[in-house]
Amino acid sequence: MIIMFIGPSGSGKDTFFYPTLKEYALNPIILSTTRPMRKGEVDKKTYYFITMDQMNLLERQKKLIERRNYQTINGLWSYATNSDQIDLASNYLTLNTWEAYQKFVLFYGSDQIVPLYFHVDDGIRLQRSLERERNQKDPNYKELCRRYLADTKDFDESYLTRYNPYIIDNDGSIEKTQKEINSVLKKVLKK
């Protein structure tokens, strides 16, 4: 089974990713990306940081479940999921988008994918994103703004009625949010 944390930038998915992996002994699905590494990120743990040529080769080899391209302030960045790291005899956790969710469902079937959508007030989300960007060696506020506005479309609330995910409210405390995640995972993983 694949548990998929879905939500816009600044919604808090990353905060709960590693604690959830550990608590439920899930395997991480680590995306590949062509974007530059941010402060605090680790290759092969946060993302597989690869070149555009490497990304294109994986696509030609038909190893990508999904791929998304973003025209950013700094040029084209790609994000993708490589199928080589997944064996459905195990349980997995990934951070992703609605677009990726659709492609995972086509690849594996809807019974194998459990979406948890991280809902957060837009003001809180923008503040979190701004604080994260301020902590970068070279903050890129133009890209933060582009991403924030793109997320408005990419995470439109119409997806909630279309895909009926578990909704995780992340406007409050970390403890409250973790309880909501635990409630869902105990149900779907039967822990």
Protein backbone atom coordinates (compact mmCIF):
# COMPACT_ATOMS: atom_id res chain seq x y z
CA MET A 1 0.00 0.00 0.00
CA ILE A 2 1.14 3.54 -0.74
CA ILE A 3 0.24 6.30 1.70
CA MET A 4 0.42 9.64 -0.08
CA PHE A 5 0.74 12.94 1.80
CA ILE A 6 -0.69 15.60 -0.52
CA GLY A 7 -0.75 19.35 -0.02
CA PRO A 8 0.63 22.64 -1.22
CA SER A 9 4.00 24.07 -0.27
CA GLY A 10 3.97 25.13 3.38
CA SER A 11 1.11 22.81 4.36
CA GLY A 12 3.35 20.84 6.73
CA LYS A 13 3.69 17.51 4.94
CA ASP A 14 7.46 17.40 5.44
CA THR A 15 7.13 17.95 9.20
CA PHE A 16 5.24 14.67 9.58
CA PHE A 17 6.96 12.60 6.91
CA TYR A 18 9.92 11.15 8.85
CA PRO A 19 8.10 10.66 12.18
CA THR A 20 5.35 8.79 10.30
CA LEU A 21 7.87 6.64 8.43
CA LYS A 22 9.44 5.63 11.73
CA GLU A 23 6.22 5.12 13.71
CA TYR A 24 4.64 2.84 11.09
CA ALA A 25 7.82 1.26 9.65
CA LEU A 26 6.93 2.53 6.19
CA ASN A 27 9.36 2.71 3.29
CA PRO A 28 9.93 6.16 1.82
CA ILE A 29 9.27 6.85 -1.83
CA ILE A 30 11.83 9.47 -2.62
CA LEU A 31 11.18 11.65 -5.64
CA SER A 32 13.82 12.57 -8.15
CA THR A 33 14.25 16.24 -9.02
CA THR A 34 16.37 18.41 -11.25
CA ARG A 35 16.06 21.46 -9.01
CA PRO A 36 18.99 22.61 -6.88
CA MET A 37 19.34 21.27 -3.35
CA ARG A 38 18.10 23.58 -0.57
CA LYS A 39 19.85 24.14 2.73
CA GLY A 40 19.30 21.12 4.99
CA GLU A 41 18.35 18.73 2.18
CA VAL A 42 20.27 15.49 1.68
CA ASP A 43 20.73 13.68 -1.63
CA LYS A 44 18.97 10.28 -1.70
CA LYS A 45 17.07 11.16 1.49
CA THR A 46 15.15 14.36 0.71
CA TYR A 47 15.21 13.82 -3.07
CA TYR A 48 17.37 12.11 -5.64
CA PHE A 49 19.01 15.20 -7.08
CA ILE A 50 19.69 14.36 -10.72
CA THR A 51 20.39 16.14 -13.99
CA MET A 52 17.83 16.77 -16.70
CA ASP A 53 19.67 14.24 -18.89
CA GLN A 54 19.32 11.57 -16.18
CA MET A 55 15.61 12.42 -15.78
CA ASN A 56 15.03 12.14 -19.53
CA LEU A 57 16.84 8.78 -19.64
CA LEU A 58 14.59 7.36 -16.86
CA GLU A 59 11.57 8.53 -18.84
CA ARG A 60 12.81 6.91 -22.07
CA GLN A 61 13.38 3.68 -20.10
CA LYS A 62 9.70 3.89 -18.96
CA LYS A 63 10.73 3.81 -15.29
CA LEU A 64 8.77 6.91 -14.27
CA ILE A 65 5.33 6.50 -12.71
CA GLU A 66 4.81 10.21 -13.04
CA ARG A 67 6.75 13.32 -13.99
CA ARG A 68 5.92 16.97 -13.51
CA ASN A 69 7.75 19.88 -15.13
CA TYR A 70 7.65 23.39 -13.70
CA GLN A 71 8.83 26.50 -15.50
CA THR A 72 10.34 28.39 -12.57
CA ILE A 73 12.04 31.75 -12.17
CA ASN A 74 15.31 29.76 -12.45
CA GLY A 75 14.36 27.67 -15.49
CA LEU A 76 12.76 24.27 -15.97
CA TRP A 77 12.67 21.93 -12.94
CA SER A 78 11.33 18.38 -13.08
CA TYR A 79 10.05 16.10 -10.31
CA ALA A 80 9.30 12.41 -10.85
CA THR A 81 8.78 9.05 -9.17
CA ASN A 82 10.88 6.08 -10.29
CA SER A 83 9.00 2.75 -10.17
CA ASP A 84 12.22 0.81 -9.44
CA GLN A 85 11.99 1.66 -5.74
CA ILE A 86 8.48 0.23 -5.18
CA ASP A 87 7.41 -3.36 -4.41
CA LEU A 88 3.80 -3.49 -3.25
CA ALA A 89 4.56 -6.38 -0.90
CA SER A 90 5.65 -3.53 1.44
CA ASN A 91 3.98 -0.32 2.62
CA TYR A 92 5.25 3.08 1.49
CA LEU A 93 4.91 6.77 2.24
CA THR A 94 5.39 9.58 -0.26
CA LEU A 95 4.87 13.34 -0.51
CA ASN A 96 3.17 14.29 -3.75
CA THR A 97 0.53 16.19 -5.75
CA TRP A 98 -2.94 15.48 -7.11
CA GLU A 99 -1.45 15.10 -10.58
CA ALA A 100 0.92 12.43 -9.26
CA TYR A 101 -1.92 10.77 -7.32
CA GLN A 102 -3.85 10.31 -10.58
CA LYS A 103 -0.85 8.68 -12.25
CA PHE A 104 -0.16 6.40 -9.27
CA VAL A 105 -3.79 5.24 -9.41
CA LEU A 106 -3.43 4.48 -13.13
CA PHE A 107 -0.15 2.62 -12.49
CA TYR A 108 -1.13 0.63 -9.37
CA GLY A 109 -4.93 0.92 -8.95
CA SER A 110 -6.94 3.03 -6.49
CA ASP A 111 -7.06 0.24 -3.89
CA GLN A 112 -3.27 0.57 -3.42
CA ILE A 113 -3.13 4.36 -2.87
CA VAL A 114 -4.37 6.17 0.28
CA PRO A 115 -4.38 9.98 -0.07
CA LEU A 116 -4.10 12.22 3.00
CA TYR A 117 -4.60 15.89 2.14
CA PHE A 118 -2.95 18.46 4.40
CA HIS A 119 -5.28 21.42 4.76
CA VAL A 120 -3.92 24.68 6.16
CA ASP A 121 -5.05 28.29 6.18
CA ASP A 122 -3.47 30.20 3.27
CA GLY A 123 -2.01 32.86 5.59
CA ILE A 124 -0.33 30.24 7.79
CA ARG A 125 0.96 28.42 4.70
CA LEU A 126 2.42 31.62 3.23
CA GLN A 127 4.07 32.50 6.54
CA ARG A 128 5.63 29.02 6.84
CA SER A 129 6.92 29.20 3.26
CA LEU A 130 8.39 32.65 3.85
CA GLU A 131 10.17 31.51 7.03
CA ARG A 132 11.61 28.48 5.20
CA GLU A 133 12.83 30.68 2.34
CA ARG A 134 14.43 33.18 4.73
CA ASN A 135 16.57 30.34 6.11
CA GLN A 136 18.05 29.54 2.70
CA LYS A 137 21.59 30.62 1.86
CA ASP A 138 20.26 32.58 -1.13
CA PRO A 139 16.53 33.21 -0.59
CA ASN A 140 14.52 33.23 -3.80
CA TYR A 141 11.33 35.13 -3.00
CA LYS A 142 10.24 35.37 -6.63
CA GLU A 143 10.19 31.57 -6.87
CA LEU A 144 8.36 31.34 -3.54
CA CYS A 145 5.64 33.65 -4.91
CA ARG A 146 5.42 31.73 -8.20
CA ARG A 147 5.09 28.44 -6.33
CA TYR A 148 2.50 29.84 -3.91
CA LEU A 149 0.30 31.08 -6.76
CA ALA A 150 0.74 27.85 -8.77
CA ASP A 151 -0.30 25.83 -5.70
CA THR A 152 -3.60 27.74 -5.66
CA LYS A 153 -4.46 26.01 -8.94
CA ASP A 154 -2.66 22.69 -8.37
CA PHE A 155 -4.39 22.13 -5.01
CA ASP A 156 -7.80 23.58 -5.82
CA GLU A 157 -10.48 22.36 -3.41
CA SER A 158 -12.38 20.69 -6.26
CA TYR A 159 -9.86 17.83 -5.95
CA LEU A 160 -11.22 17.08 -2.50
CA THR A 161 -14.65 16.17 -3.86
CA ARG A 162 -13.16 14.40 -6.89
CA TYR A 163 -10.79 12.12 -4.94
CA ASN A 164 -12.31 12.06 -1.44
CA PRO A 165 -9.03 11.96 0.52
CA TYR A 166 -8.62 11.83 4.26
CA ILE A 167 -8.33 15.50 5.26
CA ILE A 168 -5.67 16.37 7.83
CA ASP A 169 -6.17 19.79 9.44
CA ASN A 170 -2.73 21.29 10.02
CA ASP A 171 -3.73 24.75 11.30
CA GLY A 172 -3.21 23.78 14.95
CA SER A 173 -0.62 22.02 17.04
CA ILE A 174 1.80 19.35 15.86
CA GLU A 175 0.32 16.94 18.40
CA LYS A 176 -3.24 17.44 17.10
CA THR A 177 -2.15 16.93 13.50
CA GLN A 178 -0.15 13.80 14.40
CA LYS A 179 -3.23 12.35 16.15
CA GLU A 180 -5.28 12.88 12.98
CA ILE A 181 -2.61 11.14 10.88
CA ASN A 182 -2.38 8.27 13.38
CA SER A 183 -6.14 7.81 13.34
CA VAL A 184 -6.16 7.36 9.57
CA LEU A 185 -3.10 5.13 9.40
CA LYS A 186 -4.28 2.82 12.17
CA LYS A 187 -7.46 2.33 10.14
CA VAL A 188 -5.86 1.73 6.75
CA LEU A 189 -2.78 -0.19 7.92
CA LYS A 190 -4.68 -2.05 10.66
CA LYS A 191 -1.99 -1.31 13.22
